[in-house]
Amino acid sequence: MPIRIFTIPFQDETQTFHDDLVQQFCLNKRVHKIETKFFVRNHEPYWTVAVHYGVILEEERKNAETKVKDTNFGLDEQQKVLFLRLKQWRSEEGQKQGLPVYILATNAHLAEMILQKCTTLESLKLVKGFGKSRIEKYGKALIAMIQTFYTAS
């Protein structure tokens, strides 16, 4: 089973450890186990995160296909997995903000982003109905997930 190790320094300006790289890495992986260890080096605090992972399993791809098959977006099996991941992010983000998920992005928006392989904020402008306000609020997070998925696949 492959392992990826991340060392995350403490960020004084935000008073936190940024785990964005770990989250992005895990987007298109099946995570089996995560181990963490805190340490201090040269008076600087760090977290080390070891991610034990595997590739997305065929069963997971089939589940994604089944869950998305009622939509007519024309996504392939890998794209359907990304679609479900984006929907999961949208759900979590909507809960945090107390907003219905369709306010963040509709299923059609998410599918179009995947089909167009939107990897820049500029490319999001081509997604019909996904305007300037949504791009400013959610664009960076969506782009990061899509880029990570396509570069790691």
Protein backbone atom coordinates (compact mmCIF):
# COMPACT_ATOMS: atom_id res chain seq x y z
CA MET A 1 0.00 0.00 0.00
CA PRO A 2 1.53 3.34 -1.03
CA ILE A 3 2.21 6.04 1.56
CA ARG A 4 2.58 9.77 0.99
CA ILE A 5 4.13 11.89 3.74
CA PHE A 6 3.47 15.60 4.15
CA THR A 7 5.25 17.95 6.56
CA ILE A 8 3.12 20.98 7.32
CA PRO A 9 4.64 24.05 9.01
CA PHE A 10 2.66 26.25 11.38
CA GLN A 11 1.56 29.49 9.70
CA ASP A 12 2.01 32.45 12.06
CA GLU A 13 -0.12 34.83 9.99
CA THR A 14 -3.20 32.57 10.14
CA GLN A 15 -2.33 30.79 13.39
CA THR A 16 -3.01 27.38 11.87
CA PHE A 17 -1.56 24.44 9.97
CA HIS A 18 -2.74 24.54 6.34
CA ASP A 19 -3.74 21.07 5.22
CA ASP A 20 -4.87 22.03 1.72
CA LEU A 21 -2.20 19.92 0.01
CA VAL A 22 -3.21 16.85 1.98
CA GLN A 23 -6.89 17.37 1.16
CA GLN A 24 -6.17 17.90 -2.52
CA PHE A 25 -3.97 14.80 -2.65
CA CYS A 26 -6.73 12.69 -1.11
CA LEU A 27 -9.36 13.87 -3.62
CA ASN A 28 -8.86 11.03 -6.08
CA LYS A 29 -7.45 8.41 -3.73
CA ARG A 30 -8.99 5.81 -1.50
CA VAL A 31 -7.53 6.69 1.90
CA HIS A 32 -7.01 3.69 4.17
CA LYS A 33 -5.32 5.35 7.11
CA ILE A 34 -3.90 8.72 8.17
CA GLU A 35 -1.22 9.03 10.83
CA THR A 36 -0.09 12.34 12.32
CA LYS A 37 2.79 13.43 14.49
CA PHE A 38 3.54 16.85 15.93
CA PHE A 39 7.16 17.97 16.27
CA VAL A 40 9.25 21.09 16.78
CA ARG A 41 12.42 21.77 14.79
CA ASN A 42 14.52 24.90 15.29
CA HIS A 43 11.75 26.30 17.51
CA GLU A 44 9.22 25.94 14.66
CA PRO A 45 6.15 23.67 15.07
CA TYR A 46 5.25 21.13 12.36
CA TRP A 47 2.74 18.36 11.70
CA THR A 48 3.78 15.33 9.74
CA VAL A 49 0.91 13.54 8.05
CA ALA A 50 1.32 10.07 6.57
CA VAL A 51 -1.46 9.06 4.19
CA HIS A 52 -1.82 5.35 3.42
CA TYR A 53 -3.80 5.17 0.20
CA GLY A 54 -4.80 3.20 -2.82
CA VAL A 55 -6.14 4.08 -6.22
CA ILE A 56 -9.87 4.46 -6.62
CA LEU A 57 -11.24 0.97 -6.75
CA GLU A 58 -13.34 -0.41 -9.58
CA GLU A 59 -16.21 -0.87 -7.11
CA GLU A 60 -16.03 2.83 -6.23
CA ARG A 61 -16.11 3.70 -9.93
CA LYS A 62 -19.18 1.50 -10.40
CA ASN A 63 -20.88 3.15 -7.42
CA ALA A 64 -20.13 6.55 -8.90
CA GLU A 65 -21.53 5.44 -12.25
CA THR A 66 -24.72 4.19 -10.58
CA LYS A 67 -25.20 7.36 -8.52
CA VAL A 68 -24.67 9.64 -11.51
CA LYS A 69 -26.29 7.58 -14.28
CA ASP A 70 -29.64 9.40 -14.04
CA THR A 71 -27.98 12.59 -15.23
CA ASN A 72 -27.30 13.08 -18.90
CA PHE A 73 -23.99 14.88 -18.61
CA GLY A 74 -21.90 12.44 -20.65
CA LEU A 75 -19.26 11.91 -17.96
CA ASP A 76 -16.96 8.89 -18.13
CA GLU A 77 -16.35 6.72 -15.06
CA GLN A 78 -13.40 8.76 -13.76
CA GLN A 79 -15.27 12.00 -14.32
CA LYS A 80 -18.24 10.63 -12.39
CA VAL A 81 -15.97 10.05 -9.39
CA LEU A 82 -14.80 13.68 -9.61
CA PHE A 83 -18.42 14.79 -9.97
CA LEU A 84 -19.30 13.04 -6.70
CA ARG A 85 -16.28 14.60 -4.98
CA LEU A 86 -17.32 18.07 -6.15
CA LYS A 87 -20.87 17.42 -4.95
CA GLN A 88 -19.49 16.36 -1.58
CA TRP A 89 -17.44 19.57 -1.34
CA ARG A 90 -20.49 21.60 -2.37
CA SER A 91 -22.59 19.94 0.32
CA GLU A 92 -19.99 20.58 3.04
CA GLU A 93 -19.46 24.17 1.91
CA GLY A 94 -23.22 24.78 1.77
CA GLN A 95 -23.60 23.48 5.32
CA LYS A 96 -20.79 25.72 6.56
CA GLN A 97 -22.40 28.76 4.99
CA GLY A 98 -25.99 27.79 5.72
CA LEU A 99 -26.87 27.86 2.02
CA PRO A 100 -28.68 25.41 -0.23
CA VAL A 101 -26.18 23.59 -2.46
CA TYR A 102 -27.62 24.90 -5.72
CA ILE A 103 -26.68 28.44 -4.67
CA LEU A 104 -22.99 27.42 -4.77
CA ALA A 105 -23.21 25.48 -8.05
CA THR A 106 -25.79 23.33 -9.79
CA ASN A 107 -25.11 19.76 -10.91
CA ALA A 108 -25.00 21.07 -14.48
CA HIS A 109 -22.33 23.63 -13.49
CA LEU A 110 -20.19 20.94 -11.86
CA ALA A 111 -20.53 18.59 -14.86
CA GLU A 112 -19.66 21.34 -17.32
CA MET A 113 -16.55 22.26 -15.28
CA ILE A 114 -15.45 18.63 -15.47
CA LEU A 115 -16.20 18.21 -19.17
CA GLN A 116 -14.39 21.45 -20.03
CA LYS A 117 -11.55 20.51 -17.65
CA CYS A 118 -11.66 23.95 -16.08
CA THR A 119 -8.22 24.49 -14.63
CA THR A 120 -8.16 28.29 -14.44
CA LEU A 121 -10.47 30.94 -13.08
CA GLU A 122 -10.72 32.29 -16.61
CA SER A 123 -12.03 28.95 -17.88
CA LEU A 124 -14.84 29.04 -15.30
CA LYS A 125 -16.26 32.05 -17.16
CA LEU A 126 -17.19 29.63 -19.95
CA VAL A 127 -19.52 27.68 -17.66
CA LYS A 128 -22.99 28.94 -18.49
CA GLY A 129 -24.68 30.48 -15.43
CA PHE A 130 -21.55 30.35 -13.25
CA GLY A 131 -20.97 34.06 -12.91
CA LYS A 132 -18.42 36.45 -11.47
CA SER A 133 -19.72 36.24 -7.91
CA ARG A 134 -19.54 32.44 -7.81
CA ILE A 135 -16.11 32.46 -9.41
CA GLU A 136 -14.84 34.91 -6.77
CA LYS A 137 -16.35 32.92 -3.90
CA TYR A 138 -15.78 29.32 -4.97
CA GLY A 139 -13.56 29.35 -8.05
CA LYS A 140 -10.19 28.73 -6.40
CA ALA A 141 -11.45 25.74 -4.42
CA LEU A 142 -13.14 24.18 -7.45
CA ILE A 143 -10.16 24.76 -9.73
CA ALA A 144 -7.78 23.21 -7.18
CA MET A 145 -9.90 20.05 -6.95
CA ILE A 146 -10.26 19.72 -10.71
CA GLN A 147 -6.55 20.37 -11.38
CA THR A 148 -5.51 17.87 -8.73
CA PHE A 149 -7.87 15.23 -10.08
CA TYR A 150 -6.69 15.53 -13.67
CA THR A 151 -2.98 15.78 -12.85
CA ALA A 152 -3.08 12.81 -10.47
CA SER A 153 -5.23 10.57 -12.69
